Amino acid sequence: MIARPDGIQADRPGRQRVGMRDVRAIRDAASMFMQLDFKYGGGHGHKALRHYFRHEVLPLLDVSYSAKVGTALFSAAAEVSQLLAWTAYDTGNHRLAHRYLSSTLRLTQVIDDRMFGARILGNLSHQANYLGHHAQAIQLARAAVEGAKGRATPRAMANYWAMEARALSNAGEKAGAARAMNEAERHFGQADNADDPAWLSYFDEAELTGEFCHCFRDLRMRREAVEQAQRAVDSTDPAYARTLGFCRMVLAQSQLLDGDLEAALTTASLAVDGGDSLQSSRFQRYVTDFQAEVSAHAAHPAVVAFNERVSQALARLDDDE
């Protein structure tokens, strides 16, 4: 993020010429694979996307193009590489996900795209947080915030601050997390004053609320966790089935934290019944974490019924495969 950018090698003689049409094709392909990821989970299209990236995208980086096309090409390649990382992450292949995220960061450095580079650092923070590496998660999120200052839109800065809030919350640092959430809110309040890149369009108010409900759950702030998680569930577009599943499971955990076992089981059952979400190993972990949390009430009929519902849902998923 602080190194001098390499810059692209434009107009190399005697090589295949690439134009903006090729760049548009890559972006369209990335959009298609992203929709598959949202609907069926990261594992569904990962192999096909990896083949496309290796055989259709990477070779184009070593041919001839103008400076304008080259910049757009590297940017599109970085978006595909990031999606590869997320699909690997969603299937639980964290080593591969980390490798692709690191490679994506390298692509952004070539064209000095600090805003997307910070996005990748935020993704690395997200993964470290998920794996329980709290100190690393905090450090990566702070690097994203610092590296993007003056080079990112307010919406992007809100995203980076939200990643820092998530990391600090998981580490139990309440004061720092509160400050990071405030900064995320402040920047998000200015989000409509700038043109955002297409890759940031997903980060709306529902997404920010979803990040915050994770924070309040991890900080064990019961009332705030339930309120934020309910807002996240109510405002998330059902088309984003996996995100909605995550928010419902956080709501269930928050309701359990608040002492309402019946409501928690009802909410968790709705999440499991969503079906498609279960194709994500990350979502399956949310479910198993919740099952561990309600295990103290293992003999309760509603808990027995919920565990049976999970088993049946996973069996149906195996049948579908």
Protein backbone atom coordinates (compact mmCIF):
# COMPACT_ATOMS: atom_id res chain seq x y z
CA MET A 1 0.00 0.00 0.00
CA ILE A 2 2.94 2.35 0.47
CA ALA A 3 5.31 1.02 -2.21
CA ARG A 4 5.80 2.83 -5.49
CA PRO A 5 3.38 1.37 -8.07
CA ASP A 6 4.93 -0.69 -10.85
CA GLY A 7 2.86 0.84 -13.59
CA ILE A 8 1.70 -1.13 -16.60
CA GLN A 9 3.83 -1.79 -19.66
CA ALA A 10 1.67 -0.32 -22.40
CA ASP A 11 1.89 -0.70 -26.17
CA ARG A 12 4.30 -3.62 -26.28
CA PRO A 13 5.12 -4.34 -29.94
CA GLY A 14 4.48 -7.61 -31.72
CA ARG A 15 1.87 -8.94 -29.31
CA GLN A 16 -1.86 -9.58 -29.29
CA ARG A 17 -3.79 -6.34 -28.84
CA VAL A 18 -6.40 -6.08 -26.08
CA GLY A 19 -9.22 -3.53 -26.06
CA MET A 20 -12.01 -2.37 -23.81
CA ARG A 21 -14.30 -5.03 -25.29
CA ASP A 22 -12.11 -7.67 -23.66
CA VAL A 23 -12.28 -5.82 -20.35
CA ARG A 24 -16.08 -5.65 -20.53
CA ALA A 25 -16.21 -9.39 -21.19
CA ILE A 26 -14.17 -10.04 -18.05
CA ARG A 27 -16.41 -7.83 -15.94
CA ASP A 28 -19.54 -9.52 -17.34
CA ALA A 29 -18.07 -12.92 -16.53
CA ALA A 30 -17.22 -11.78 -13.01
CA SER A 31 -20.79 -10.56 -12.55
CA MET A 32 -22.17 -13.92 -13.68
CA PHE A 33 -19.91 -15.86 -11.31
CA MET A 34 -20.81 -13.51 -8.47
CA GLN A 35 -24.50 -14.26 -8.97
CA LEU A 36 -23.74 -17.99 -8.84
CA ASP A 37 -21.81 -17.42 -5.62
CA PHE A 38 -24.71 -15.52 -4.04
CA LYS A 39 -27.26 -18.17 -5.04
CA TYR A 40 -25.39 -21.46 -4.67
CA GLY A 41 -22.39 -20.77 -2.45
CA GLY A 42 -18.72 -20.39 -3.20
CA GLY A 43 -18.08 -24.02 -4.08
CA HIS A 44 -20.48 -24.11 -7.01
CA GLY A 45 -18.55 -22.01 -9.51
CA HIS A 46 -15.07 -21.97 -8.00
CA LYS A 47 -13.41 -24.49 -10.34
CA ALA A 48 -14.92 -22.91 -13.45
CA LEU A 49 -13.92 -19.44 -12.27
CA ARG A 50 -10.39 -20.60 -11.52
CA HIS A 51 -10.10 -22.06 -15.04
CA TYR A 52 -11.46 -18.84 -16.56
CA PHE A 53 -9.02 -16.72 -14.55
CA ARG A 54 -5.98 -18.83 -15.45
CA HIS A 55 -6.73 -19.37 -19.13
CA GLU A 56 -8.71 -16.31 -20.19
CA VAL A 57 -7.71 -13.46 -17.86
CA LEU A 58 -4.09 -13.91 -16.79
CA PRO A 59 -2.73 -14.35 -20.36
CA LEU A 60 -4.19 -10.95 -21.32
CA LEU A 61 -2.03 -9.19 -18.73
CA ASP A 62 1.05 -10.05 -20.77
CA VAL A 63 -0.04 -8.77 -24.18
CA SER A 64 -0.31 -5.30 -25.71
CA TYR A 65 -2.73 -2.57 -24.67
CA SER A 66 -2.96 1.17 -24.25
CA ALA A 67 -2.38 2.71 -20.82
CA LYS A 68 -6.13 3.27 -20.39
CA VAL A 69 -7.05 -0.28 -21.38
CA GLY A 70 -4.22 -1.74 -19.30
CA THR A 71 -5.40 0.03 -16.16
CA ALA A 72 -8.97 -1.18 -16.72
CA LEU A 73 -7.71 -4.69 -17.50
CA PHE A 74 -5.69 -5.02 -14.29
CA SER A 75 -8.64 -3.64 -12.34
CA ALA A 76 -11.00 -6.22 -13.85
CA ALA A 77 -8.46 -8.99 -13.22
CA ALA A 78 -8.23 -7.93 -9.58
CA GLU A 79 -12.01 -8.17 -9.22
CA VAL A 80 -12.01 -11.73 -10.62
CA SER A 81 -9.09 -12.68 -8.38
CA GLN A 82 -10.91 -11.30 -5.35
CA LEU A 83 -14.01 -13.31 -6.22
CA LEU A 84 -11.84 -16.42 -6.48
CA ALA A 85 -10.58 -15.69 -2.97
CA TRP A 86 -14.11 -15.29 -1.61
CA THR A 87 -15.35 -18.50 -3.21
CA ALA A 88 -12.42 -20.37 -1.67
CA TYR A 89 -13.09 -18.68 1.68
CA ASP A 90 -16.75 -19.68 1.52
CA THR A 91 -15.83 -23.33 1.00
CA GLY A 92 -13.45 -23.28 3.95
CA ASN A 93 -10.21 -23.42 1.92
CA HIS A 94 -8.51 -20.65 3.85
CA ARG A 95 -4.99 -21.27 2.61
CA LEU A 96 -6.10 -20.86 -1.01
CA ALA A 97 -8.27 -17.86 -0.14
CA HIS A 98 -5.33 -16.12 1.52
CA ARG A 99 -3.14 -16.83 -1.49
CA TYR A 100 -5.65 -15.32 -3.90
CA LEU A 101 -6.18 -12.27 -1.67
CA SER A 102 -2.43 -11.69 -1.57
CA SER A 103 -2.23 -12.01 -5.36
CA THR A 104 -5.13 -9.59 -5.73
CA LEU A 105 -3.35 -7.06 -3.55
CA ARG A 106 -0.37 -7.37 -5.88
CA LEU A 107 -2.57 -6.63 -8.92
CA THR A 108 -3.92 -3.47 -7.29
CA GLN A 109 -0.39 -2.33 -6.52
CA VAL A 110 0.60 -2.46 -10.19
CA ILE A 111 -1.96 0.22 -11.10
CA ASP A 112 -1.82 2.08 -7.75
CA ASP A 113 -5.47 1.37 -6.94
CA ARG A 114 -5.28 2.18 -3.23
CA MET A 115 -9.04 1.99 -2.72
CA PHE A 116 -9.35 -1.57 -4.02
CA GLY A 117 -6.09 -2.48 -2.29
CA ALA A 118 -7.60 -1.35 1.00
CA ARG A 119 -10.65 -3.46 0.19
CA ILE A 120 -8.37 -6.50 -0.05
CA LEU A 121 -6.72 -5.67 3.26
CA GLY A 122 -10.23 -5.45 4.72
CA ASN A 123 -10.98 -8.89 3.29
CA LEU A 124 -7.81 -10.27 4.84
CA SER A 125 -8.91 -8.75 8.14
CA HIS A 126 -12.32 -10.39 7.76
CA GLN A 127 -10.69 -13.78 7.22
CA ALA A 128 -8.25 -13.35 10.13
CA ASN A 129 -11.15 -12.36 12.36
CA TYR A 130 -13.13 -15.43 11.27
CA LEU A 131 -10.16 -17.65 12.10
CA GLY A 132 -9.74 -16.08 15.54
CA HIS A 133 -6.52 -14.19 14.77
CA HIS A 134 -7.72 -11.01 16.46
CA ALA A 135 -4.45 -9.03 16.63
CA GLN A 136 -3.79 -9.66 12.94
CA ALA A 137 -7.37 -8.77 12.04
CA ILE A 138 -7.07 -5.43 13.84
CA GLN A 139 -3.72 -4.66 12.22
CA LEU A 140 -4.99 -5.44 8.70
CA ALA A 141 -8.16 -3.38 9.15
CA ARG A 142 -6.16 -0.42 10.41
CA ALA A 143 -3.81 -0.76 7.44
CA ALA A 144 -6.86 -0.57 5.16
CA VAL A 145 -8.11 2.59 6.85
CA GLU A 146 -4.73 4.30 6.81
CA GLY A 147 -3.77 3.17 3.32
CA ALA A 148 -7.00 4.43 1.78
CA LYS A 149 -7.14 7.88 3.38
CA GLY A 150 -7.48 10.51 0.69
CA ARG A 151 -7.83 7.82 -2.00
CA ALA A 152 -11.22 6.24 -1.25
CA THR A 153 -14.86 7.31 -1.35
CA PRO A 154 -16.79 7.76 1.92
CA ARG A 155 -18.69 4.51 1.31
CA ALA A 156 -15.42 2.62 0.96
CA MET A 157 -14.01 4.22 4.12
CA ALA A 158 -17.18 3.18 5.97
CA ASN A 159 -16.49 -0.39 4.88
CA TYR A 160 -12.89 -0.30 6.13
CA TRP A 161 -13.90 1.21 9.47
CA ALA A 162 -16.57 -1.48 9.81
CA MET A 163 -13.90 -4.15 9.37
CA GLU A 164 -11.88 -2.54 12.16
CA ALA A 165 -15.00 -2.47 14.35
CA ARG A 166 -15.58 -6.18 13.69
CA ALA A 167 -12.01 -7.06 14.61
CA LEU A 168 -12.00 -4.95 17.78
CA SER A 169 -15.39 -6.31 18.85
CA ASN A 170 -14.23 -9.89 18.49
CA ALA A 171 -11.19 -9.01 20.59
CA GLY A 172 -13.48 -7.54 23.27
CA GLU A 173 -12.15 -3.99 22.90
CA LYS A 174 -15.41 -2.14 23.49
CA ALA A 175 -14.15 1.45 23.43
CA GLY A 176 -12.15 0.98 20.24
CA ALA A 177 -15.01 -0.85 18.56
CA ALA A 178 -17.45 1.95 19.45
CA ARG A 179 -15.10 4.53 17.95
CA ALA A 180 -14.70 2.48 14.76
CA MET A 181 -18.47 2.05 14.42
CA ASN A 182 -18.95 5.78 14.87
CA GLU A 183 -16.39 6.47 12.15
CA ALA A 184 -18.09 3.96 9.85
CA GLU A 185 -21.45 5.67 10.41
CA ARG A 186 -19.94 9.11 9.87
CA HIS A 187 -18.40 8.15 6.55
CA PHE A 188 -21.49 6.27 5.43
CA GLY A 189 -23.54 9.40 6.06
CA GLN A 190 -21.47 11.07 3.32
CA ALA A 191 -21.71 8.11 0.92
CA ASP A 192 -24.07 9.70 -1.59
CA ASN A 193 -21.69 12.59 -2.20
CA ALA A 194 -19.26 10.61 -4.34
CA ASP A 195 -19.24 8.21 -7.28
CA ASP A 196 -18.49 4.70 -6.11
CA PRO A 197 -17.01 1.90 -8.22
CA ALA A 198 -19.35 -0.92 -9.22
CA TRP A 199 -17.65 -3.41 -6.89
CA LEU A 200 -18.80 -1.35 -3.90
CA SER A 201 -22.49 -1.24 -4.84
CA TYR A 202 -23.35 -4.09 -2.44
CA PHE A 203 -22.33 -2.03 0.61
CA ASP A 204 -25.63 -0.40 1.45
CA GLU A 205 -27.24 0.48 4.78
CA ALA A 206 -28.42 -3.09 5.29
CA GLU A 207 -24.87 -4.35 4.86
CA LEU A 208 -23.50 -1.83 7.35
CA THR A 209 -26.21 -2.77 9.84
CA GLY A 210 -25.24 -6.41 9.35
CA GLU A 211 -21.64 -5.60 10.24
CA PHE A 212 -22.75 -3.74 13.35
CA CYS A 213 -24.99 -6.54 14.60
CA HIS A 214 -21.96 -8.85 14.55
CA CYS A 215 -20.10 -6.26 16.61
CA PHE A 216 -22.78 -5.94 19.28
CA ARG A 217 -23.15 -9.72 19.48
CA ASP A 218 -19.41 -10.18 20.00
CA LEU A 219 -19.37 -7.40 22.60
CA ARG A 220 -22.29 -9.19 24.32
CA MET A 221 -24.38 -6.02 24.31
CA ARG A 222 -27.69 -7.86 24.36
CA ARG A 223 -30.26 -5.16 23.63
CA GLU A 224 -28.22 -3.45 20.94
CA ALA A 225 -27.36 -6.81 19.34
CA VAL A 226 -31.02 -7.82 19.05
CA GLU A 227 -32.08 -4.42 17.71
CA GLN A 228 -29.32 -4.20 15.10
CA ALA A 229 -29.71 -7.82 14.00
CA GLN A 230 -33.47 -7.41 13.58
CA ARG A 231 -32.86 -4.28 11.50
CA ALA A 232 -30.35 -6.18 9.40
CA VAL A 233 -32.80 -9.03 8.78
CA ASP A 234 -35.63 -6.65 7.92
CA SER A 235 -33.56 -4.58 5.50
CA THR A 236 -31.54 -7.28 3.70
CA ASP A 237 -32.73 -8.07 0.17
CA PRO A 238 -33.85 -11.76 0.11
CA ALA A 239 -31.92 -12.11 -3.15
CA TYR A 240 -28.80 -12.12 -0.98
CA ALA A 241 -29.82 -15.40 0.64
CA ARG A 242 -26.49 -16.11 2.31
CA THR A 243 -26.21 -12.62 3.82
CA LEU A 244 -29.78 -12.90 5.10
CA GLY A 245 -28.90 -16.29 6.59
CA PHE A 246 -25.91 -14.79 8.41
CA CYS A 247 -28.03 -11.96 9.81
CA ARG A 248 -30.76 -14.35 10.98
CA MET A 249 -28.21 -16.51 12.77
CA VAL A 250 -26.70 -13.45 14.48
CA LEU A 251 -30.23 -12.43 15.50
CA ALA A 252 -30.79 -15.92 16.91
CA GLN A 253 -27.52 -15.75 18.86
CA SER A 254 -28.43 -12.29 20.12
CA GLN A 255 -31.88 -13.43 21.23
CA LEU A 256 -30.27 -16.35 23.04
CA LEU A 257 -27.84 -13.93 24.68
CA ASP A 258 -30.88 -11.92 25.75
CA GLY A 259 -32.38 -14.99 27.40
CA ASP A 260 -35.14 -15.72 24.86
CA LEU A 261 -34.55 -19.35 23.89
CA GLU A 262 -37.85 -19.82 22.05
CA ALA A 263 -37.38 -16.75 19.85
CA ALA A 264 -33.77 -17.74 19.15
CA LEU A 265 -34.77 -21.22 17.96
CA THR A 266 -37.58 -19.83 15.81
CA THR A 267 -35.19 -17.37 14.13
CA ALA A 268 -32.47 -19.97 13.63
CA SER A 269 -35.03 -22.34 12.10
CA LEU A 270 -35.98 -19.67 9.56
CA ALA A 271 -32.32 -19.29 8.65
CA VAL A 272 -31.83 -23.03 8.18
CA ASP A 273 -35.03 -23.33 6.15
CA GLY A 274 -33.52 -20.82 3.70
CA GLY A 275 -31.72 -23.86 2.27
CA ASP A 276 -29.31 -22.26 -0.17
CA SER A 277 -27.36 -20.64 2.66
CA LEU A 278 -26.31 -24.08 3.91
CA GLN A 279 -24.12 -24.52 0.84
CA SER A 280 -21.74 -22.06 2.46
CA SER A 281 -19.28 -23.56 4.94
CA ARG A 282 -19.25 -20.19 6.69
CA PHE A 283 -23.02 -20.36 7.20
CA GLN A 284 -22.75 -23.95 8.42
CA ARG A 285 -20.31 -22.71 11.05
CA TYR A 286 -22.84 -20.10 12.23
CA VAL A 287 -25.33 -22.94 12.66
CA THR A 288 -22.95 -25.27 14.50
CA ASP A 289 -21.84 -22.41 16.76
CA PHE A 290 -25.49 -21.78 17.62
CA GLN A 291 -26.07 -25.48 18.26
CA ALA A 292 -23.14 -25.44 20.69
CA GLU A 293 -24.61 -22.41 22.45
CA VAL A 294 -28.02 -24.08 22.95
CA SER A 295 -26.48 -27.42 23.96
CA ALA A 296 -27.01 -26.44 27.61
CA HIS A 297 -30.72 -26.93 26.85
CA ALA A 298 -30.21 -30.16 24.88
CA ALA A 299 -33.21 -31.90 26.44
CA HIS A 300 -35.61 -29.06 25.59
CA PRO A 301 -38.08 -30.30 22.96
CA ALA A 302 -37.60 -27.18 20.81
CA VAL A 303 -33.81 -27.72 20.80
CA VAL A 304 -34.24 -31.39 19.87
CA ALA A 305 -36.56 -30.35 17.04
CA PHE A 306 -34.11 -27.71 15.80
CA ASN A 307 -31.18 -30.13 15.74
CA GLU A 308 -33.31 -32.59 13.79
CA ARG A 309 -34.27 -29.82 11.36
CA VAL A 310 -30.58 -29.05 10.76
CA SER A 311 -29.80 -32.73 10.13
CA GLN A 312 -32.64 -32.99 7.63
CA ALA A 313 -31.60 -29.81 5.86
CA LEU A 314 -28.03 -31.04 5.48
CA ALA A 315 -29.30 -34.39 4.21
CA ARG A 316 -31.41 -32.61 1.58
CA LEU A 317 -28.36 -30.62 0.58
CA ASP A 318 -26.40 -33.85 0.06
CA ASP A 319 -29.27 -35.23 -2.06
CA ASP A 320 -29.27 -32.07 -4.20
CA GLU A 321 -25.56 -32.47 -4.82
